[in-house]
Amino acid sequence: HESDQEQHYETASSVAGALIGFISSNPLPRGVLLNVNVPNVPLSLLRGVRVTRKGVRLYEGKVTRFTDPGGRTYYWVAGRPEDQLEEGSDVWAAANGYVSVTPVHMDMTHFPSIETLTADGAEKINFK
């Protein structure tokens, strides 16, 4: 965090090197990548590694709409994040001194909703 008096980059470096070694012996499936969060602590204070799911981070009332010099709208997310610290999530792991390793992929489709939307008639919406 920017208010931390010291940044422990050597901790992150050690974790990254160890994970690269692990992945070279245990390849990920095609299209999967790892989101890794390393607490800003000395290596000796890390509590271990947790394989996690993506947690929830909210920015309550912290989204501001701006217009750039070209007239285009953009949004700035800032302020203090409010994490939902549920055990098993990446934000919980990092807040509790663990390295979080979350396998992610780019297909964010919510597959159960495909069937529901189709059954509810979404493909029959009339635009005329």
Protein backbone atom coordinates (compact mmCIF):
# COMPACT_ATOMS: atom_id res chain seq x y z
CA HIS A 1 0.00 0.00 0.00
CA GLU A 2 1.27 3.48 -0.77
CA SER A 3 1.12 4.38 2.93
CA ASP A 4 3.46 1.50 3.86
CA GLN A 5 6.81 2.79 5.03
CA GLU A 6 8.71 0.02 3.25
CA GLN A 7 8.10 -1.99 0.06
CA HIS A 8 9.25 -5.60 0.18
CA TYR A 9 9.97 -6.19 -3.50
CA GLU A 10 12.40 -8.98 -2.59
CA THR A 11 9.44 -10.93 -1.18
CA ALA A 12 7.50 -10.59 -4.43
CA SER A 13 10.63 -11.52 -6.40
CA SER A 14 11.16 -14.69 -4.36
CA VAL A 15 7.50 -15.68 -4.75
CA ALA A 16 7.57 -15.04 -8.52
CA GLY A 17 10.71 -17.14 -8.96
CA ALA A 18 9.27 -20.02 -6.93
CA LEU A 19 5.99 -19.92 -8.88
CA ILE A 20 7.84 -19.95 -12.21
CA GLY A 21 9.71 -23.03 -11.05
CA PHE A 22 6.47 -24.69 -9.97
CA ILE A 23 4.65 -23.86 -13.24
CA SER A 24 7.55 -25.14 -15.35
CA SER A 25 7.02 -28.56 -13.73
CA ASN A 26 3.21 -28.25 -13.51
CA PRO A 27 2.01 -26.45 -16.66
CA LEU A 28 -1.30 -24.62 -16.65
CA PRO A 29 -4.06 -25.51 -19.11
CA ARG A 30 -4.11 -23.46 -22.31
CA GLY A 31 -5.75 -20.07 -21.79
CA VAL A 32 -5.32 -20.08 -17.99
CA LEU A 33 -3.11 -17.56 -16.21
CA LEU A 34 -2.41 -16.85 -12.58
CA ASN A 35 -3.34 -13.71 -10.69
CA VAL A 36 -0.84 -13.55 -7.81
CA ASN A 37 -1.06 -11.23 -4.81
CA VAL A 38 1.89 -10.99 -2.46
CA PRO A 39 1.52 -9.26 0.91
CA ASN A 40 3.99 -6.43 1.49
CA VAL A 41 5.91 -8.15 4.28
CA PRO A 42 9.39 -9.60 4.69
CA LEU A 43 9.66 -13.10 3.22
CA SER A 44 10.05 -14.58 6.70
CA LEU A 45 6.58 -13.31 7.67
CA LEU A 46 4.68 -14.92 4.77
CA ARG A 47 2.30 -17.52 6.16
CA GLY A 48 2.31 -19.63 2.99
CA VAL A 49 0.40 -19.91 -0.27
CA ARG A 50 -3.34 -20.27 -0.79
CA VAL A 51 -4.95 -21.20 -4.10
CA THR A 52 -7.95 -18.89 -4.12
CA ARG A 53 -10.98 -17.63 -5.97
CA LYS A 54 -11.39 -14.02 -7.03
CA GLY A 55 -12.63 -11.90 -4.16
CA VAL A 56 -14.87 -8.85 -4.15
CA ARG A 57 -13.44 -5.35 -3.90
CA LEU A 58 -15.91 -2.48 -3.83
CA TYR A 59 -15.22 1.22 -4.28
CA GLU A 60 -18.30 2.68 -2.64
CA GLY A 61 -19.09 6.02 -4.24
CA LYS A 62 -15.57 6.24 -5.64
CA VAL A 63 -16.25 6.27 -9.38
CA THR A 64 -15.95 9.71 -10.94
CA ARG A 65 -16.95 10.61 -14.49
CA PHE A 66 -14.60 12.89 -16.46
CA THR A 67 -14.28 14.20 -20.01
CA ASP A 68 -10.89 14.15 -21.71
CA PRO A 69 -9.62 17.00 -23.95
CA GLY A 70 -11.04 15.19 -26.99
CA GLY A 71 -14.55 15.22 -25.51
CA ARG A 72 -14.60 11.50 -24.67
CA THR A 73 -16.02 10.31 -21.37
CA TYR A 74 -13.89 8.22 -19.05
CA TYR A 75 -14.25 7.01 -15.48
CA TRP A 76 -11.73 7.10 -12.65
CA VAL A 77 -11.95 4.52 -9.89
CA ALA A 78 -10.17 5.78 -6.80
CA GLY A 79 -10.34 5.96 -3.07
CA ARG A 80 -10.01 3.36 -0.37
CA PRO A 81 -11.21 -0.06 -1.50
CA GLU A 82 -13.57 -2.01 0.71
CA ASP A 83 -12.82 -5.72 0.48
CA GLN A 84 -15.23 -8.48 1.40
CA LEU A 85 -12.88 -10.69 3.36
CA GLU A 86 -14.37 -14.13 2.73
CA GLU A 87 -12.10 -17.04 3.55
CA GLY A 88 -10.89 -18.71 0.37
CA SER A 89 -10.80 -15.47 -1.62
CA ASP A 90 -7.67 -13.70 -2.85
CA VAL A 91 -8.33 -10.60 -0.78
CA TRP A 92 -8.78 -12.67 2.39
CA ALA A 93 -5.55 -14.57 1.75
CA ALA A 94 -3.46 -11.45 1.18
CA ALA A 95 -5.03 -9.65 4.16
CA ASN A 96 -4.09 -12.63 6.33
CA GLY A 97 -0.44 -12.83 5.25
CA TYR A 98 -0.72 -15.50 2.53
CA VAL A 99 0.31 -15.32 -1.09
CA SER A 100 -2.89 -15.74 -3.11
CA VAL A 101 -2.72 -17.66 -6.37
CA THR A 102 -5.93 -17.42 -8.38
CA PRO A 103 -6.24 -19.29 -11.69
CA VAL A 104 -8.18 -17.13 -14.13
CA HIS A 105 -9.15 -17.18 -17.80
CA MET A 106 -10.52 -14.59 -20.14
CA ASP A 107 -13.93 -16.17 -20.79
CA MET A 108 -16.07 -14.37 -18.23
CA THR A 109 -19.31 -15.88 -19.58
CA HIS A 110 -21.80 -16.79 -16.87
CA PHE A 111 -22.82 -20.09 -18.42
CA PRO A 112 -25.86 -20.82 -16.20
CA SER A 113 -27.46 -17.56 -17.39
CA ILE A 114 -27.22 -18.61 -21.05
CA GLU A 115 -29.80 -21.33 -20.46
CA THR A 116 -31.99 -19.08 -18.28
CA LEU A 117 -32.00 -16.15 -20.72
CA THR A 118 -32.72 -18.44 -23.64
CA ALA A 119 -35.56 -20.21 -21.79
CA ASP A 120 -37.02 -16.84 -20.72
CA GLY A 121 -37.22 -15.73 -24.37
CA ALA A 122 -34.34 -13.25 -24.65
CA GLU A 123 -33.64 -14.42 -28.20
CA LYS A 124 -37.23 -13.53 -29.21
CA ILE A 125 -37.12 -9.85 -28.20
CA ASN A 126 -38.77 -7.76 -30.91
CA PHE A 127 -36.89 -4.58 -31.87
CA LYS A 128 -39.51 -3.25 -34.28
